Every structure is written in C-alpha cells, then in structure tokens.
C-alpha cells in the first residue's frame, strides 16, 4: 500500500537523520576533546614556566589559558544547546510521524 511505503520512507529518512545527528555528535565530541588537550598542554606549559619564574611569560600563558578555557566553555555551552535543540526537533518529528500512523 502507498501508506506503508510512505511510512517506510519517512521512517528511513528519520533513521538517516538520526545517523547524521549521531555523526555530528561524534565530531563535536572529538573537537571538544581536542580543546581539552590544548588546555592540558597549556596548563603543563604554565607549570614549566612557573618553575623557571619567568613572570612575563607566565602572564602570556595565563592569558592564553584563559582564552582557551573561555573558548572551551563557549563551545561546550553551544554544543549542549545545539544537542538539546536537535533532540527536541527529532522527538517532535518522530511524534508527528507516530500521530500520522495512528491517524
């Protein structure tokens, strides 16, 4: 029946969209992991600089660390907002499809 085919097509499209969303989630997680590694490296560099008491360099590293921490925090906040929005969007699409099927 055409309704079954249409439903299968919608289901297939929904599954593809969910797969894309999961892939985007993985990419974003990898990006966050990279930011955390940068942050850790900067922290290690700061420790080394402090050990040598190079005050001017310490200030520069402190600024770089603050900048990376801010970028990391902003990226995590945006990532969480994006994921929340997408979950709501896909849940709504799924519920609409379910309602149409119950029709």
N, C-alpha and C. Protein backbone atom coordinates (compact mmCIF):
# COMPACT_ATOMS: atom_id res chain seq x y z
N UNK A 1 0.84 -1.19 0.00
CA UNK A 1 0.00 0.00 0.00
C UNK A 1 0.88 1.25 0.00
N UNK A 2 0.35 2.33 -0.52
CA UNK A 2 1.14 3.56 -0.61
C UNK A 2 1.39 4.14 0.78
N UNK A 3 0.46 3.95 1.73
CA UNK A 3 0.67 4.45 3.09
C UNK A 3 1.84 3.73 3.73
N UNK A 4 1.93 2.43 3.53
CA UNK A 4 3.04 1.66 4.09
C UNK A 4 4.37 2.12 3.50
N UNK A 5 4.38 2.31 2.17
CA UNK A 5 5.61 2.79 1.52
C UNK A 5 5.98 4.19 2.02
N UNK A 6 4.99 5.04 2.15
CA UNK A 6 5.22 6.40 2.63
C UNK A 6 5.76 6.36 4.06
N UNK A 7 5.16 5.52 4.88
CA UNK A 7 5.61 5.38 6.27
C UNK A 7 7.03 4.84 6.32
N UNK A 8 7.30 3.84 5.47
CA UNK A 8 8.66 3.28 5.43
C UNK A 8 9.65 4.34 4.97
N UNK A 9 9.26 5.16 4.00
CA UNK A 9 10.14 6.23 3.51
C UNK A 9 10.40 7.24 4.62
N UNK A 10 9.33 7.64 5.34
CA UNK A 10 9.51 8.58 6.46
C UNK A 10 10.41 7.97 7.52
N UNK A 11 10.19 6.71 7.81
CA UNK A 11 11.00 6.03 8.83
C UNK A 11 12.46 5.98 8.39
N UNK A 12 12.68 5.67 7.11
CA UNK A 12 14.04 5.62 6.57
C UNK A 12 14.70 7.00 6.66
N UNK A 13 13.97 8.05 6.29
CA UNK A 13 14.51 9.40 6.36
C UNK A 13 14.82 9.78 7.80
N UNK A 14 13.96 9.40 8.71
CA UNK A 14 14.18 9.69 10.13
C UNK A 14 15.42 8.96 10.63
N UNK A 15 15.58 7.70 10.24
CA UNK A 15 16.76 6.93 10.65
C UNK A 15 18.04 7.56 10.09
N UNK A 16 18.00 8.02 8.84
CA UNK A 16 19.16 8.68 8.23
C UNK A 16 19.48 9.97 8.98
N UNK A 17 18.46 10.72 9.31
CA UNK A 17 18.66 11.98 10.02
C UNK A 17 19.27 11.71 11.41
N UNK A 18 18.79 10.67 12.07
CA UNK A 18 19.34 10.31 13.38
C UNK A 18 20.80 9.89 13.24
N UNK A 19 21.12 9.14 12.21
CA UNK A 19 22.51 8.73 11.97
C UNK A 19 23.40 9.95 11.74
N UNK A 20 22.89 10.92 10.96
CA UNK A 20 23.67 12.15 10.74
C UNK A 20 23.87 12.90 12.04
N UNK A 21 22.84 12.98 12.84
CA UNK A 21 22.92 13.65 14.13
C UNK A 21 23.95 12.97 15.04
N UNK A 22 23.93 11.64 15.05
CA UNK A 22 24.91 10.90 15.86
C UNK A 22 26.33 11.17 15.37
N UNK A 23 26.52 11.26 14.05
CA UNK A 23 27.85 11.54 13.50
C UNK A 23 28.30 12.96 13.89
N UNK A 24 27.38 13.93 13.79
CA UNK A 24 27.71 15.30 14.20
C UNK A 24 28.07 15.34 15.67
N UNK A 25 27.37 14.55 16.47
CA UNK A 25 27.66 14.47 17.90
C UNK A 25 29.09 13.96 18.11
N UNK A 26 29.48 12.92 17.36
CA UNK A 26 30.84 12.38 17.46
C UNK A 26 31.88 13.42 17.06
N UNK A 27 31.62 14.13 15.96
CA UNK A 27 32.58 15.16 15.52
C UNK A 27 32.72 16.26 16.58
N UNK A 28 31.61 16.68 17.13
CA UNK A 28 31.66 17.73 18.16
C UNK A 28 32.41 17.24 19.39
N UNK A 29 32.19 15.98 19.75
CA UNK A 29 32.89 15.41 20.91
C UNK A 29 34.39 15.36 20.65
N UNK A 30 34.78 15.01 19.41
CA UNK A 30 36.20 14.99 19.06
C UNK A 30 36.79 16.39 19.13
N UNK A 31 36.03 17.38 18.67
CA UNK A 31 36.50 18.77 18.72
C UNK A 31 36.70 19.21 20.17
N UNK A 32 35.74 18.87 21.04
CA UNK A 32 35.87 19.20 22.46
C UNK A 32 37.08 18.51 23.07
N UNK A 33 37.30 17.26 22.69
CA UNK A 33 38.46 16.52 23.19
C UNK A 33 39.75 17.24 22.80
N UNK A 34 39.82 17.73 21.57
CA UNK A 34 40.98 18.48 21.11
C UNK A 34 41.19 19.75 21.92
N UNK A 35 40.09 20.44 22.23
CA UNK A 35 40.19 21.65 23.05
C UNK A 35 40.70 21.32 24.45
N UNK A 36 40.23 20.21 25.01
CA UNK A 36 40.71 19.81 26.34
C UNK A 36 42.20 19.48 26.31
N UNK A 37 42.65 18.83 25.22
CA UNK A 37 44.08 18.52 25.11
C UNK A 37 44.92 19.79 25.02
N UNK A 38 44.42 20.78 24.25
CA UNK A 38 45.12 22.06 24.17
C UNK A 38 45.19 22.71 25.55
N UNK A 39 44.09 22.66 26.25
CA UNK A 39 44.02 23.26 27.58
C UNK A 39 45.02 22.58 28.52
N UNK A 40 45.08 21.25 28.47
CA UNK A 40 46.01 20.50 29.31
C UNK A 40 47.46 20.85 28.96
N UNK A 41 47.75 20.95 27.65
CA UNK A 41 49.10 21.31 27.22
C UNK A 41 49.47 22.70 27.72
N UNK A 42 48.53 23.64 27.64
CA UNK A 42 48.81 24.99 28.13
C UNK A 42 49.04 24.98 29.64
N UNK A 43 48.26 24.18 30.36
CA UNK A 43 48.46 24.07 31.81
C UNK A 43 49.86 23.51 32.12
N UNK A 44 50.29 22.50 31.35
CA UNK A 44 51.62 21.92 31.55
C UNK A 44 52.70 22.97 31.24
N UNK A 45 52.49 23.73 30.17
CA UNK A 45 53.45 24.79 29.84
C UNK A 45 53.50 25.84 30.94
N UNK A 46 52.36 26.18 31.49
CA UNK A 46 52.32 27.17 32.57
C UNK A 46 53.13 26.67 33.76
N UNK A 47 52.98 25.40 34.09
CA UNK A 47 53.73 24.82 35.21
C UNK A 47 55.24 24.93 34.97
N UNK A 48 55.65 24.62 33.75
CA UNK A 48 57.08 24.71 33.39
C UNK A 48 57.57 26.15 33.52
N UNK A 49 56.77 27.08 33.03
CA UNK A 49 57.15 28.49 33.09
C UNK A 49 57.27 28.96 34.54
N UNK A 50 56.32 28.58 35.36
CA UNK A 50 56.35 28.97 36.77
C UNK A 50 57.61 28.43 37.45
N UNK A 51 57.99 27.22 37.08
CA UNK A 51 59.17 26.61 37.67
C UNK A 51 60.40 27.46 37.38
N UNK A 52 60.46 28.09 36.24
CA UNK A 52 61.61 28.93 35.87
C UNK A 52 61.41 30.40 36.25
N UNK A 53 60.27 30.73 36.86
CA UNK A 53 59.97 32.07 37.35
C UNK A 53 60.13 33.15 36.28
N UNK A 54 59.59 32.87 35.11
CA UNK A 54 59.62 33.85 34.02
C UNK A 54 58.29 34.60 34.04
N UNK A 55 58.24 35.68 34.81
CA UNK A 55 56.96 36.35 35.09
C UNK A 55 56.25 36.86 33.82
N UNK A 56 56.99 37.44 32.89
CA UNK A 56 56.34 37.95 31.67
C UNK A 56 55.70 36.82 30.88
N UNK A 57 56.41 35.69 30.76
CA UNK A 57 55.89 34.55 30.02
C UNK A 57 54.69 33.95 30.75
N UNK A 58 54.75 33.95 32.08
CA UNK A 58 53.62 33.43 32.86
C UNK A 58 52.36 34.23 32.52
N UNK A 59 52.49 35.54 32.46
CA UNK A 59 51.32 36.37 32.13
C UNK A 59 50.76 36.02 30.75
N UNK A 60 51.67 35.81 29.79
CA UNK A 60 51.23 35.45 28.45
C UNK A 60 50.50 34.10 28.46
N UNK A 61 51.07 33.14 29.18
CA UNK A 61 50.41 31.83 29.26
C UNK A 61 49.07 31.92 29.98
N UNK A 62 49.03 32.73 31.03
CA UNK A 62 47.75 32.90 31.75
C UNK A 62 46.68 33.42 30.80
N UNK A 63 47.03 34.40 29.97
CA UNK A 63 46.06 34.94 29.01
C UNK A 63 45.64 33.88 28.00
N UNK A 64 46.61 33.12 27.50
CA UNK A 64 46.30 32.06 26.54
C UNK A 64 45.41 31.00 27.18
N UNK A 65 45.71 30.64 28.42
CA UNK A 65 44.90 29.63 29.12
C UNK A 65 43.48 30.14 29.31
N UNK A 66 43.35 31.39 29.73
CA UNK A 66 42.01 31.97 29.91
C UNK A 66 41.24 31.97 28.59
N UNK A 67 41.95 32.30 27.50
CA UNK A 67 41.30 32.34 26.19
C UNK A 67 40.82 30.94 25.79
N UNK A 68 41.68 29.94 25.97
CA UNK A 68 41.30 28.57 25.61
C UNK A 68 40.17 28.07 26.51
N UNK A 69 40.25 28.39 27.80
CA UNK A 69 39.17 27.97 28.71
C UNK A 69 37.85 28.61 28.30
N UNK A 70 37.91 29.90 27.94
CA UNK A 70 36.69 30.59 27.52
C UNK A 70 36.13 29.95 26.24
N UNK A 71 37.02 29.70 25.26
CA UNK A 71 36.59 29.06 24.01
C UNK A 71 35.98 27.69 24.30
N UNK A 72 36.63 26.95 25.16
CA UNK A 72 36.16 25.60 25.51
C UNK A 72 34.77 25.68 26.16
N UNK A 73 34.63 26.59 27.12
CA UNK A 73 33.34 26.75 27.81
C UNK A 73 32.25 27.19 26.84
N UNK A 74 32.58 28.14 25.95
CA UNK A 74 31.59 28.60 24.97
C UNK A 74 31.20 27.47 24.02
N UNK A 75 32.19 26.72 23.57
CA UNK A 75 31.93 25.61 22.64
C UNK A 75 31.07 24.54 23.31
N UNK A 76 31.38 24.23 24.57
CA UNK A 76 30.59 23.22 25.29
C UNK A 76 29.15 23.70 25.48
N UNK A 77 28.99 24.98 25.84
CA UNK A 77 27.64 25.53 26.01
C UNK A 77 26.87 25.48 24.70
N UNK A 78 27.52 25.89 23.61
CA UNK A 78 26.86 25.87 22.30
C UNK A 78 26.52 24.43 21.89
N UNK A 79 27.46 23.53 22.13
CA UNK A 79 27.24 22.12 21.80
C UNK A 79 26.03 21.58 22.55
N UNK A 80 25.94 21.89 23.85
CA UNK A 80 24.81 21.41 24.63
C UNK A 80 23.50 22.01 24.14
N UNK A 81 23.51 23.31 23.81
CA UNK A 81 22.29 23.94 23.29
C UNK A 81 21.89 23.31 21.96
N UNK A 82 22.87 23.12 21.08
CA UNK A 82 22.59 22.51 19.77
C UNK A 82 22.01 21.11 19.93
N UNK A 83 22.60 20.32 20.82
CA UNK A 83 22.11 18.95 21.01
C UNK A 83 20.70 18.95 21.59
N UNK A 84 20.46 19.84 22.56
CA UNK A 84 19.12 19.94 23.15
C UNK A 84 18.09 20.32 22.08
N UNK A 85 18.45 21.30 21.23
CA UNK A 85 17.54 21.72 20.16
C UNK A 85 17.26 20.58 19.20
N UNK A 86 18.29 19.84 18.85
CA UNK A 86 18.13 18.74 17.89
C UNK A 86 17.27 17.63 18.49
N UNK A 87 17.49 17.32 19.75
CA UNK A 87 16.69 16.27 20.39
C UNK A 87 15.21 16.66 20.35
N UNK A 88 14.92 17.91 20.68
CA UNK A 88 13.53 18.39 20.66
C UNK A 88 12.98 18.30 19.24
N UNK A 89 13.79 18.73 18.26
CA UNK A 89 13.36 18.71 16.86
C UNK A 89 13.05 17.29 16.39
N UNK A 90 13.95 16.36 16.67
CA UNK A 90 13.74 14.99 16.19
C UNK A 90 12.63 14.28 16.97
N UNK A 91 12.51 14.59 18.24
CA UNK A 91 11.44 13.99 19.02
C UNK A 91 10.09 14.46 18.47
N UNK A 92 10.01 15.73 18.12
CA UNK A 92 8.78 16.29 17.56
C UNK A 92 8.46 15.62 16.22
N UNK A 93 9.48 15.47 15.38
CA UNK A 93 9.27 14.81 14.08
C UNK A 93 8.81 13.38 14.28
N UNK A 94 9.42 12.70 15.21
CA UNK A 94 9.05 11.31 15.49
C UNK A 94 7.61 11.23 15.99
N UNK A 95 7.26 12.11 16.92
CA UNK A 95 5.89 12.12 17.45
C UNK A 95 4.87 12.44 16.38
N UNK A 96 5.22 13.35 15.49
CA UNK A 96 4.31 13.70 14.38
C UNK A 96 4.11 12.48 13.50
N UNK A 97 5.17 11.77 13.20
CA UNK A 97 5.08 10.57 12.37
C UNK A 97 4.21 9.52 13.08
N UNK A 98 4.42 9.34 14.38
CA UNK A 98 3.63 8.37 15.15
C UNK A 98 2.15 8.74 15.10
N UNK A 99 1.88 10.06 15.24
CA UNK A 99 0.48 10.53 15.21
C UNK A 99 -0.15 10.26 13.85
N UNK A 100 0.62 10.49 12.79
CA UNK A 100 0.11 10.24 11.44
C UNK A 100 -0.19 8.76 11.24
N UNK A 101 0.66 7.92 11.80
CA UNK A 101 0.45 6.47 11.67
C UNK A 101 -0.81 6.03 12.40
N UNK A 102 -1.05 6.64 13.57
CA UNK A 102 -2.24 6.28 14.35
C UNK A 102 -3.49 6.83 13.67
N UNK A 103 -3.26 8.00 12.99
CA UNK A 103 -4.21 8.75 12.21
C UNK A 103 -5.63 8.49 12.43
